[in-house]
Amino acid sequence: VDRPDTVVADFAGVTFMDSTGIRFLVGFKTRCDSIGAAWGLENVSTS
């Protein structure tokens, strides 16, 4: 909402993700790119 310069999606608390999550991440990253925000995806489980 406030057009930040940097956005980090922290997955430390995520226990499961399916293809819905892939669509979410692609859309989220694309939105970050469209406003020029740097992107980070951290604490992602091996699965």
All heavy atoms as atom14 arrays in JSON, in Angstrom:
{
  "sequence": "VDRPDTVVADFAGVTFMDSTGIRFLVGFKTRCDSIGAAWGLENVSTS",
  "atom14_mask": [
    [1, 1, 1, 1, 1, 1, 1, 0, 0, 0, 0, 0, 0, 0],
    [1, 1, 1, 1, 1, 1, 1, 1, 0, 0, 0, 0, 0, 0],
    [1, 1, 1, 1, 1, 1, 1, 1, 1, 1, 1, 0, 0, 0],
    [1, 1, 1, 1, 1, 1, 1, 0, 0, 0, 0, 0, 0, 0],
    [1, 1, 1, 1, 1, 1, 1, 1, 0, 0, 0, 0, 0, 0],
    [1, 1, 1, 1, 1, 1, 1, 0, 0, 0, 0, 0, 0, 0],
    [1, 1, 1, 1, 1, 1, 1, 0, 0, 0, 0, 0, 0, 0],
    [1, 1, 1, 1, 1, 1, 1, 0, 0, 0, 0, 0, 0, 0],
    [1, 1, 1, 1, 1, 0, 0, 0, 0, 0, 0, 0, 0, 0],
    [1, 1, 1, 1, 1, 1, 1, 1, 0, 0, 0, 0, 0, 0],
    [1, 1, 1, 1, 1, 1, 1, 1, 1, 1, 1, 0, 0, 0],
    [1, 1, 1, 1, 1, 0, 0, 0, 0, 0, 0, 0, 0, 0],
    [1, 1, 1, 1, 0, 0, 0, 0, 0, 0, 0, 0, 0, 0],
    [1, 1, 1, 1, 1, 1, 1, 0, 0, 0, 0, 0, 0, 0],
    [1, 1, 1, 1, 1, 1, 1, 0, 0, 0, 0, 0, 0, 0],
    [1, 1, 1, 1, 1, 1, 1, 1, 1, 1, 1, 0, 0, 0],
    [1, 1, 1, 1, 1, 1, 1, 1, 0, 0, 0, 0, 0, 0],
    [1, 1, 1, 1, 1, 1, 1, 1, 0, 0, 0, 0, 0, 0],
    [1, 1, 1, 1, 1, 1, 0, 0, 0, 0, 0, 0, 0, 0],
    [1, 1, 1, 1, 1, 1, 1, 0, 0, 0, 0, 0, 0, 0],
    [1, 1, 1, 1, 0, 0, 0, 0, 0, 0, 0, 0, 0, 0],
    [1, 1, 1, 1, 1, 1, 1, 1, 0, 0, 0, 0, 0, 0],
    [1, 1, 1, 1, 1, 1, 1, 1, 1, 1, 1, 0, 0, 0],
    [1, 1, 1, 1, 1, 1, 1, 1, 1, 1, 1, 0, 0, 0],
    [1, 1, 1, 1, 1, 1, 1, 1, 0, 0, 0, 0, 0, 0],
    [1, 1, 1, 1, 1, 1, 1, 0, 0, 0, 0, 0, 0, 0],
    [1, 1, 1, 1, 0, 0, 0, 0, 0, 0, 0, 0, 0, 0],
    [1, 1, 1, 1, 1, 1, 1, 1, 1, 1, 1, 0, 0, 0],
    [1, 1, 1, 1, 1, 1, 1, 1, 1, 0, 0, 0, 0, 0],
    [1, 1, 1, 1, 1, 1, 1, 0, 0, 0, 0, 0, 0, 0],
    [1, 1, 1, 1, 1, 1, 1, 1, 1, 1, 1, 0, 0, 0],
    [1, 1, 1, 1, 1, 1, 0, 0, 0, 0, 0, 0, 0, 0],
    [1, 1, 1, 1, 1, 1, 1, 1, 0, 0, 0, 0, 0, 0],
    [1, 1, 1, 1, 1, 1, 0, 0, 0, 0, 0, 0, 0, 0],
    [1, 1, 1, 1, 1, 1, 1, 1, 0, 0, 0, 0, 0, 0],
    [1, 1, 1, 1, 0, 0, 0, 0, 0, 0, 0, 0, 0, 0],
    [1, 1, 1, 1, 1, 0, 0, 0, 0, 0, 0, 0, 0, 0],
    [1, 1, 1, 1, 1, 0, 0, 0, 0, 0, 0, 0, 0, 0],
    [1, 1, 1, 1, 1, 1, 1, 1, 1, 1, 1, 1, 1, 1],
    [1, 1, 1, 1, 0, 0, 0, 0, 0, 0, 0, 0, 0, 0],
    [1, 1, 1, 1, 1, 1, 1, 1, 0, 0, 0, 0, 0, 0],
    [1, 1, 1, 1, 1, 1, 1, 1, 1, 0, 0, 0, 0, 0],
    [1, 1, 1, 1, 1, 1, 1, 1, 0, 0, 0, 0, 0, 0],
    [1, 1, 1, 1, 1, 1, 1, 0, 0, 0, 0, 0, 0, 0],
    [1, 1, 1, 1, 1, 1, 0, 0, 0, 0, 0, 0, 0, 0],
    [1, 1, 1, 1, 1, 1, 1, 0, 0, 0, 0, 0, 0, 0],
    [1, 1, 1, 1, 1, 1, 0, 0, 0, 0, 0, 0, 0, 0]
  ],
  "atom14_positions": [
    [[0.81, -1.22, 0.0], [0.0, 0.0, 0.0], [0.84, 1.28, 0.0], [0.5, 2.25, -0.66], [-1.03, -0.01, 1.16], [-0.35, 0.12, 2.51], [-2.06, 1.08, 0.96], [0.0, 0.0, 0.0], [0.0, 0.0, 0.0], [0.0, 0.0, 0.0], [0.0, 0.0, 0.0], [0.0, 0.0, 0.0], [0.0, 0.0, 0.0], [0.0, 0.0, 0.0]],
    [[1.95, 1.3, 0.71], [2.79, 2.49, 0.78], [3.98, 2.46, -0.17], [4.91, 3.26, -0.02], [3.28, 2.71, 2.22], [2.14, 3.09, 3.16], [1.2, 3.77, 2.7], [2.19, 2.68, 4.33], [0.0, 0.0, 0.0], [0.0, 0.0, 0.0], [0.0, 0.0, 0.0], [0.0, 0.0, 0.0], [0.0, 0.0, 0.0], [0.0, 0.0, 0.0]],
    [[3.95, 1.55, -1.13], [4.99, 1.43, -2.15], [6.4, 1.37, -1.54], [7.23, 2.24, -1.8], [4.87, 2.54, -3.17], [3.52, 2.55, -3.89], [3.39, 3.66, -4.88], [4.3, 3.54, -5.98], [4.05, 2.9, -7.12], [2.9, 2.32, -7.3], [4.95, 2.85, -8.08], [0.0, 0.0, 0.0], [0.0, 0.0, 0.0], [0.0, 0.0, 0.0]],
    [[6.67, 0.35, -0.75], [8.0, 0.24, -0.11], [9.09, 0.0, -1.14], [8.83, -0.45, -2.25], [7.84, -0.97, 0.81], [6.79, -1.81, 0.13], [5.83, -0.82, -0.48], [0.0, 0.0, 0.0], [0.0, 0.0, 0.0], [0.0, 0.0, 0.0], [0.0, 0.0, 0.0], [0.0, 0.0, 0.0], [0.0, 0.0, 0.0], [0.0, 0.0, 0.0]],
    [[10.33, 0.3, -0.74], [11.49, 0.04, -1.59], [11.89, -1.42, -1.57], [12.45, -1.94, -2.53], [12.68, 0.89, -1.14], [12.46, 2.37, -1.38], [11.69, 2.73, -2.29], [13.05, 3.17, -0.63], [0.0, 0.0, 0.0], [0.0, 0.0, 0.0], [0.0, 0.0, 0.0], [0.0, 0.0, 0.0], [0.0, 0.0, 0.0], [0.0, 0.0, 0.0]],
    [[11.65, -2.08, -0.43], [12.05, -3.48, -0.24], [10.9, -4.25, 0.38], [10.26, -3.77, 1.31], [13.28, -3.56, 0.69], [14.33, -2.77, 0.15], [13.74, -5.01, 0.85], [0.0, 0.0, 0.0], [0.0, 0.0, 0.0], [0.0, 0.0, 0.0], [0.0, 0.0, 0.0], [0.0, 0.0, 0.0], [0.0, 0.0, 0.0], [0.0, 0.0, 0.0]],
    [[10.68, -5.46, -0.14], [9.65, -6.35, 0.4], [10.27, -7.72, 0.62], [10.92, -8.27, -0.27], [8.45, -6.47, -0.57], [7.43, -7.46, -0.04], [7.83, -5.12, -0.84], [0.0, 0.0, 0.0], [0.0, 0.0, 0.0], [0.0, 0.0, 0.0], [0.0, 0.0, 0.0], [0.0, 0.0, 0.0], [0.0, 0.0, 0.0], [0.0, 0.0, 0.0]],
    [[10.05, -8.26, 1.82], [10.51, -9.62, 2.14], [9.3, -10.45, 2.54], [8.54, -10.04, 3.43], [11.55, -9.61, 3.28], [11.9, -11.03, 3.69], [12.79, -8.84, 2.86], [0.0, 0.0, 0.0], [0.0, 0.0, 0.0], [0.0, 0.0, 0.0], [0.0, 0.0, 0.0], [0.0, 0.0, 0.0], [0.0, 0.0, 0.0], [0.0, 0.0, 0.0]],
    [[9.13, -11.58, 1.88], [8.11, -12.55, 2.28], [8.83, -13.59, 3.13], [9.72, -14.29, 2.65], [7.47, -13.19, 1.06], [0.0, 0.0, 0.0], [0.0, 0.0, 0.0], [0.0, 0.0, 0.0], [0.0, 0.0, 0.0], [0.0, 0.0, 0.0], [0.0, 0.0, 0.0], [0.0, 0.0, 0.0], [0.0, 0.0, 0.0], [0.0, 0.0, 0.0]],
    [[8.48, -13.65, 4.4], [9.14, -14.54, 5.36], [8.27, -15.79, 5.56], [7.15, -15.7, 6.04], [9.35, -13.81, 6.68], [10.26, -14.57, 7.63], [10.16, -15.81, 7.68], [11.05, -13.9, 8.31], [0.0, 0.0, 0.0], [0.0, 0.0, 0.0], [0.0, 0.0, 0.0], [0.0, 0.0, 0.0], [0.0, 0.0, 0.0], [0.0, 0.0, 0.0]],
    [[8.82, -16.94, 5.2], [8.1, -18.21, 5.24], [8.39, -19.03, 6.5], [8.05, -20.21, 6.55], [8.46, -19.03, 4.01], [7.51, -18.85, 2.86], [7.25, -17.6, 2.35], [6.87, -19.94, 2.3], [6.38, -17.43, 1.29], [6.0, -19.78, 1.25], [5.74, -18.53, 0.74], [0.0, 0.0, 0.0], [0.0, 0.0, 0.0], [0.0, 0.0, 0.0]],
    [[8.98, -18.43, 7.52], [9.37, -19.2, 8.71], [8.18, -19.94, 9.34], [8.35, -21.04, 9.86], [10.02, -18.28, 9.74], [0.0, 0.0, 0.0], [0.0, 0.0, 0.0], [0.0, 0.0, 0.0], [0.0, 0.0, 0.0], [0.0, 0.0, 0.0], [0.0, 0.0, 0.0], [0.0, 0.0, 0.0], [0.0, 0.0, 0.0], [0.0, 0.0, 0.0]],
    [[7.0, -19.38, 9.27], [5.83, -20.0, 9.88], [4.97, -20.84, 8.96], [3.92, -21.33, 9.34], [0.0, 0.0, 0.0], [0.0, 0.0, 0.0], [0.0, 0.0, 0.0], [0.0, 0.0, 0.0], [0.0, 0.0, 0.0], [0.0, 0.0, 0.0], [0.0, 0.0, 0.0], [0.0, 0.0, 0.0], [0.0, 0.0, 0.0], [0.0, 0.0, 0.0]],
    [[5.4, -21.01, 7.71], [4.59, -21.75, 6.73], [4.87, -23.25, 6.88], [6.02, -23.69, 6.86], [4.89, -21.27, 5.3], [4.15, -22.13, 4.28], [4.5, -19.81, 5.15], [0.0, 0.0, 0.0], [0.0, 0.0, 0.0], [0.0, 0.0, 0.0], [0.0, 0.0, 0.0], [0.0, 0.0, 0.0], [0.0, 0.0, 0.0], [0.0, 0.0, 0.0]],
    [[3.81, -24.02, 7.02], [3.94, -25.47, 7.21], [3.63, -26.27, 5.95], [4.0, -27.44, 5.87], [2.99, -25.94, 8.33], [1.64, -25.56, 7.99], [3.38, -25.3, 9.66], [0.0, 0.0, 0.0], [0.0, 0.0, 0.0], [0.0, 0.0, 0.0], [0.0, 0.0, 0.0], [0.0, 0.0, 0.0], [0.0, 0.0, 0.0], [0.0, 0.0, 0.0]],
    [[2.96, -25.66, 4.98], [2.57, -26.36, 3.75], [2.29, -25.32, 2.67], [1.79, -24.23, 2.96], [1.31, -27.19, 3.99], [0.71, -27.77, 2.74], [1.22, -28.94, 2.19], [-0.35, -27.15, 2.11], [0.68, -29.48, 1.03], [-0.9, -27.68, 0.95], [-0.38, -28.85, 0.41], [0.0, 0.0, 0.0], [0.0, 0.0, 0.0], [0.0, 0.0, 0.0]],
    [[2.59, -25.68, 1.43], [2.22, -24.82, 0.3], [1.94, -25.7, -0.9], [2.67, -26.65, -1.17], [3.34, -23.83, -0.02], [2.95, -22.82, -1.1], [4.19, -21.56, -1.39], [5.21, -22.38, -2.59], [0.0, 0.0, 0.0], [0.0, 0.0, 0.0], [0.0, 0.0, 0.0], [0.0, 0.0, 0.0], [0.0, 0.0, 0.0], [0.0, 0.0, 0.0]],
    [[0.89, -25.36, -1.65], [0.58, -26.06, -2.9], [0.69, -25.08, -4.06], [1.27, -24.0, -3.91], [-0.78, -26.75, -2.82], [-1.96, -25.78, -2.7], [-1.76, -24.55, -2.85], [-3.08, -26.26, -2.46], [0.0, 0.0, 0.0], [0.0, 0.0, 0.0], [0.0, 0.0, 0.0], [0.0, 0.0, 0.0], [0.0, 0.0, 0.0], [0.0, 0.0, 0.0]],
    [[0.13, -25.44, -5.19], [0.25, -24.59, -6.39], [-0.4, -23.22, -6.2], [-0.01, -22.25, -6.85], [-0.33, -25.29, -7.61], [-1.71, -25.54, -7.41], [0.0, 0.0, 0.0], [0.0, 0.0, 0.0], [0.0, 0.0, 0.0], [0.0, 0.0, 0.0], [0.0, 0.0, 0.0], [0.0, 0.0, 0.0], [0.0, 0.0, 0.0], [0.0, 0.0, 0.0]],
    [[-1.35, -23.11, -5.29], [-1.94, -21.81, -4.97], [-0.85, -20.87, -4.46], [-0.82, -19.69, -4.82], [-3.03, -21.95, -3.89], [-4.03, -22.86, -4.35], [-3.65, -20.62, -3.55], [0.0, 0.0, 0.0], [0.0, 0.0, 0.0], [0.0, 0.0, 0.0], [0.0, 0.0, 0.0], [0.0, 0.0, 0.0], [0.0, 0.0, 0.0], [0.0, 0.0, 0.0]],
    [[0.05, -21.4, -3.67], [1.16, -20.6, -3.15], [2.11, -20.16, -4.24], [2.64, -19.04, -4.2], [0.0, 0.0, 0.0], [0.0, 0.0, 0.0], [0.0, 0.0, 0.0], [0.0, 0.0, 0.0], [0.0, 0.0, 0.0], [0.0, 0.0, 0.0], [0.0, 0.0, 0.0], [0.0, 0.0, 0.0], [0.0, 0.0, 0.0], [0.0, 0.0, 0.0]],
    [[2.34, -21.02, -5.21], [3.19, -20.64, -6.35], [2.55, -19.47, -7.09], [3.22, -18.47, -7.39], [3.41, -21.84, -7.3], [4.23, -22.93, -6.62], [4.05, -21.39, -8.61], [5.67, -22.57, -6.34], [0.0, 0.0, 0.0], [0.0, 0.0, 0.0], [0.0, 0.0, 0.0], [0.0, 0.0, 0.0], [0.0, 0.0, 0.0], [0.0, 0.0, 0.0]],
    [[1.25, -19.56, -7.37], [0.55, -18.46, -8.05], [0.63, -17.18, -7.22], [0.85, -16.09, -7.76], [-0.91, -18.83, -8.32], [-1.08, -19.78, -9.48], [-2.53, -19.93, -9.89], [-3.39, -20.4, -8.82], [-3.57, -21.66, -8.48], [-2.95, -22.61, -9.13], [-4.38, -21.98, -7.5], [0.0, 0.0, 0.0], [0.0, 0.0, 0.0], [0.0, 0.0, 0.0]],
    [[0.44, -17.31, -5.9], [0.54, -16.16, -5.01], [1.92, -15.51, -5.09], [2.05, -14.3, -5.25], [0.24, -16.61, -3.57], [0.79, -15.69, -2.52], [0.26, -14.43, -2.32], [1.84, -16.1, -1.71], [0.76, -13.58, -1.34], [2.35, -15.27, -0.72], [1.81, -14.01, -0.54], [0.0, 0.0, 0.0], [0.0, 0.0, 0.0], [0.0, 0.0, 0.0]],
    [[2.98, -16.32, -5.01], [4.34, -15.79, -5.04], [4.66, -15.11, -6.37], [5.28, -14.05, -6.4], [5.35, -16.88, -4.73], [5.37, -17.37, -3.29], [6.32, -18.55, -3.14], [5.75, -16.25, -2.34], [0.0, 0.0, 0.0], [0.0, 0.0, 0.0], [0.0, 0.0, 0.0], [0.0, 0.0, 0.0], [0.0, 0.0, 0.0], [0.0, 0.0, 0.0]],
    [[4.26, -15.73, -7.47], [4.51, -15.12, -8.78], [3.79, -13.78, -8.88], [4.38, -12.78, -9.32], [4.11, -16.08, -9.92], [4.09, -15.36, -11.26], [5.04, -17.28, -9.96], [0.0, 0.0, 0.0], [0.0, 0.0, 0.0], [0.0, 0.0, 0.0], [0.0, 0.0, 0.0], [0.0, 0.0, 0.0], [0.0, 0.0, 0.0], [0.0, 0.0, 0.0]],
    [[2.54, -13.73, -8.45], [1.8, -12.47, -8.49], [2.38, -11.42, -7.58], [2.49, -10.24, -7.94], [0.0, 0.0, 0.0], [0.0, 0.0, 0.0], [0.0, 0.0, 0.0], [0.0, 0.0, 0.0], [0.0, 0.0, 0.0], [0.0, 0.0, 0.0], [0.0, 0.0, 0.0], [0.0, 0.0, 0.0], [0.0, 0.0, 0.0], [0.0, 0.0, 0.0]],
    [[2.79, -11.82, -6.39], [3.38, -10.91, -5.42], [4.7, -10.35, -5.95], [4.94, -9.14, -5.93], [3.59, -11.65, -4.11], [3.91, -10.81, -2.9], [3.81, -9.43, -2.91], [4.31, -11.43, -1.73], [4.11, -8.68, -1.79], [4.62, -10.69, -0.59], [4.51, -9.32, -0.62], [0.0, 0.0, 0.0], [0.0, 0.0, 0.0], [0.0, 0.0, 0.0]],
    [[5.55, -11.21, -6.46], [6.84, -10.77, -7.02], [6.62, -9.85, -8.21], [7.29, -8.82, -8.36], [7.68, -11.99, -7.42], [8.9, -11.69, -8.28], [10.09, -11.26, -7.47], [11.4, -11.3, -8.2], [11.56, -10.44, -9.34], [0.0, 0.0, 0.0], [0.0, 0.0, 0.0], [0.0, 0.0, 0.0], [0.0, 0.0, 0.0], [0.0, 0.0, 0.0]],
    [[5.67, -10.19, -9.06], [5.36, -9.36, -10.23], [4.88, -7.97, -9.8], [5.29, -6.96, -10.37], [4.32, -10.05, -11.13], [4.85, -11.32, -11.53], [3.97, -9.23, -12.34], [0.0, 0.0, 0.0], [0.0, 0.0, 0.0], [0.0, 0.0, 0.0], [0.0, 0.0, 0.0], [0.0, 0.0, 0.0], [0.0, 0.0, 0.0], [0.0, 0.0, 0.0]],
    [[4.05, -7.92, -8.76], [3.59, -6.63, -8.24], [4.75, -5.83, -7.67], [4.84, -4.61, -7.87], [2.53, -6.82, -7.15], [1.18, -7.28, -7.62], [0.31, -6.18, -8.22], [0.22, -4.96, -7.43], [-0.53, -4.76, -6.37], [-1.31, -5.71, -5.92], [-0.53, -3.61, -5.75], [0.0, 0.0, 0.0], [0.0, 0.0, 0.0], [0.0, 0.0, 0.0]],
    [[5.66, -6.49, -6.95], [6.84, -5.8, -6.42], [7.67, -5.23, -7.56], [8.1, -4.07, -7.5], [7.68, -6.76, -5.57], [6.95, -7.18, -3.99], [0.0, 0.0, 0.0], [0.0, 0.0, 0.0], [0.0, 0.0, 0.0], [0.0, 0.0, 0.0], [0.0, 0.0, 0.0], [0.0, 0.0, 0.0], [0.0, 0.0, 0.0], [0.0, 0.0, 0.0]],
    [[7.89, -6.03, -8.59], [8.64, -5.57, -9.76], [7.97, -4.35, -10.39], [8.64, -3.41, -10.81], [8.77, -6.67, -10.81], [9.7, -7.8, -10.38], [10.44, -7.64, -9.38], [9.68, -8.86, -11.04], [0.0, 0.0, 0.0], [0.0, 0.0, 0.0], [0.0, 0.0, 0.0], [0.0, 0.0, 0.0], [0.0, 0.0, 0.0], [0.0, 0.0, 0.0]],
    [[6.65, -4.35, -10.45], [5.92, -3.26, -11.12], [6.05, -1.93, -10.39], [5.91, -0.87, -11.01], [4.45, -3.63, -11.31], [3.74, -3.54, -10.09], [0.0, 0.0, 0.0], [0.0, 0.0, 0.0], [0.0, 0.0, 0.0], [0.0, 0.0, 0.0], [0.0, 0.0, 0.0], [0.0, 0.0, 0.0], [0.0, 0.0, 0.0], [0.0, 0.0, 0.0]],
    [[6.31, -1.97, -9.08], [6.49, -0.71, -8.34], [7.96, -0.44, -8.05], [8.29, 0.53, -7.36], [5.66, -0.69, -7.03], [6.15, -1.73, -6.03], [4.17, -0.82, -7.33], [5.58, -1.56, -4.63], [0.0, 0.0, 0.0], [0.0, 0.0, 0.0], [0.0, 0.0, 0.0], [0.0, 0.0, 0.0], [0.0, 0.0, 0.0], [0.0, 0.0, 0.0]],
    [[8.84, -1.3, -8.54], [10.28, -1.1, -8.36], [10.79, -1.51, -6.99], [11.87, -1.06, -6.59], [0.0, 0.0, 0.0], [0.0, 0.0, 0.0], [0.0, 0.0, 0.0], [0.0, 0.0, 0.0], [0.0, 0.0, 0.0], [0.0, 0.0, 0.0], [0.0, 0.0, 0.0], [0.0, 0.0, 0.0], [0.0, 0.0, 0.0], [0.0, 0.0, 0.0]],
    [[10.06, -2.35, -6.28], [10.48, -2.79, -4.95], [11.4, -4.01, -5.07], [11.11, -4.93, -5.82], [9.26, -3.14, -4.1], [0.0, 0.0, 0.0], [0.0, 0.0, 0.0], [0.0, 0.0, 0.0], [0.0, 0.0, 0.0], [0.0, 0.0, 0.0], [0.0, 0.0, 0.0], [0.0, 0.0, 0.0], [0.0, 0.0, 0.0], [0.0, 0.0, 0.0]],
    [[12.48, -3.98, -4.32], [13.36, -5.15, -4.26], [12.6, -6.27, -3.56], [11.8, -6.03, -2.67], [14.63, -4.81, -3.49], [0.0, 0.0, 0.0], [0.0, 0.0, 0.0], [0.0, 0.0, 0.0], [0.0, 0.0, 0.0], [0.0, 0.0, 0.0], [0.0, 0.0, 0.0], [0.0, 0.0, 0.0], [0.0, 0.0, 0.0], [0.0, 0.0, 0.0]],
    [[12.89, -7.51, -3.94], [12.15, -8.68, -3.48], [13.06, -9.62, -2.7], [14.2, -9.84, -3.08], [11.59, -9.4, -4.69], [11.11, -10.81, -4.46], [11.84, -11.95, -4.67], [9.84, -11.23, -4.01], [11.08, -13.05, -4.37], [9.84, -12.63, -3.96], [8.69, -10.54, -3.62], [8.74, -13.36, -3.56], [7.59, -11.28, -3.22], [7.62, -12.67, -3.19]],
    [[12.52, -10.2, -1.65], [13.22, -11.25, -0.92], [12.23, -12.31, -0.49], [11.1, -12.01, -0.11], [0.0, 0.0, 0.0], [0.0, 0.0, 0.0], [0.0, 0.0, 0.0], [0.0, 0.0, 0.0], [0.0, 0.0, 0.0], [0.0, 0.0, 0.0], [0.0, 0.0, 0.0], [0.0, 0.0, 0.0], [0.0, 0.0, 0.0], [0.0, 0.0, 0.0]],
    [[12.63, -13.56, -0.55], [11.82, -14.69, -0.11], [12.7, -15.5, 0.83], [13.64, -16.16, 0.39], [11.38, -15.52, -1.33], [10.5, -16.74, -1.08], [9.25, -16.37, -0.3], [10.13, -17.36, -2.42], [0.0, 0.0, 0.0], [0.0, 0.0, 0.0], [0.0, 0.0, 0.0], [0.0, 0.0, 0.0], [0.0, 0.0, 0.0], [0.0, 0.0, 0.0]],
    [[12.42, -15.4, 2.14], [13.34, -15.93, 3.14], [12.71, -17.01, 4.01], [11.49, -17.1, 4.11], [13.81, -14.8, 4.06], [14.6, -13.74, 3.34], [15.06, -12.62, 4.24], [14.63, -12.56, 5.42], [15.85, -11.79, 3.79], [0.0, 0.0, 0.0], [0.0, 0.0, 0.0], [0.0, 0.0, 0.0], [0.0, 0.0, 0.0], [0.0, 0.0, 0.0]],
    [[13.59, -17.81, 4.63], [13.2, -18.86, 5.58], [12.25, -19.87, 4.96], [11.28, -20.29, 5.58], [12.59, -18.24, 6.85], [13.56, -17.33, 7.56], [14.72, -17.68, 7.75], [13.1, -16.15, 7.91], [0.0, 0.0, 0.0], [0.0, 0.0, 0.0], [0.0, 0.0, 0.0], [0.0, 0.0, 0.0], [0.0, 0.0, 0.0], [0.0, 0.0, 0.0]],
    [[12.57, -20.26, 3.74], [11.73, -21.19, 2.99], [12.2, -22.62, 3.29], [13.39, -22.92, 3.22], [11.81, -20.89, 1.48], [10.89, -21.8, 0.71], [11.48, -19.43, 1.22], [0.0, 0.0, 0.0], [0.0, 0.0, 0.0], [0.0, 0.0, 0.0], [0.0, 0.0, 0.0], [0.0, 0.0, 0.0], [0.0, 0.0, 0.0], [0.0, 0.0, 0.0]],
    [[11.24, -23.49, 3.61], [11.58, -24.88, 3.92], [12.08, -25.61, 2.68], [11.82, -25.2, 1.54], [10.36, -25.61, 4.49], [9.4, -25.81, 3.47], [0.0, 0.0, 0.0], [0.0, 0.0, 0.0], [0.0, 0.0, 0.0], [0.0, 0.0, 0.0], [0.0, 0.0, 0.0], [0.0, 0.0, 0.0], [0.0, 0.0, 0.0], [0.0, 0.0, 0.0]],
    [[12.77, -26.7, 2.92], [13.3, -27.51, 1.82], [12.18, -28.01, 0.91], [12.34, -28.0, -0.31], [14.09, -28.71, 2.4], [15.13, -28.19, 3.23], [14.69, -29.56, 1.3], [0.0, 0.0, 0.0], [0.0, 0.0, 0.0], [0.0, 0.0, 0.0], [0.0, 0.0, 0.0], [0.0, 0.0, 0.0], [0.0, 0.0, 0.0], [0.0, 0.0, 0.0]],
    [[11.05, -28.42, 1.48], [9.95, -28.94, 0.65], [9.35, -27.85, -0.23], [8.98, -28.1, -1.38], [8.88, -29.6, 1.51], [8.3, -28.67, 2.4], [0.0, 0.0, 0.0], [0.0, 0.0, 0.0], [0.0, 0.0, 0.0], [0.0, 0.0, 0.0], [0.0, 0.0, 0.0], [0.0, 0.0, 0.0], [0.0, 0.0, 0.0], [0.0, 0.0, 0.0]]
  ]
}
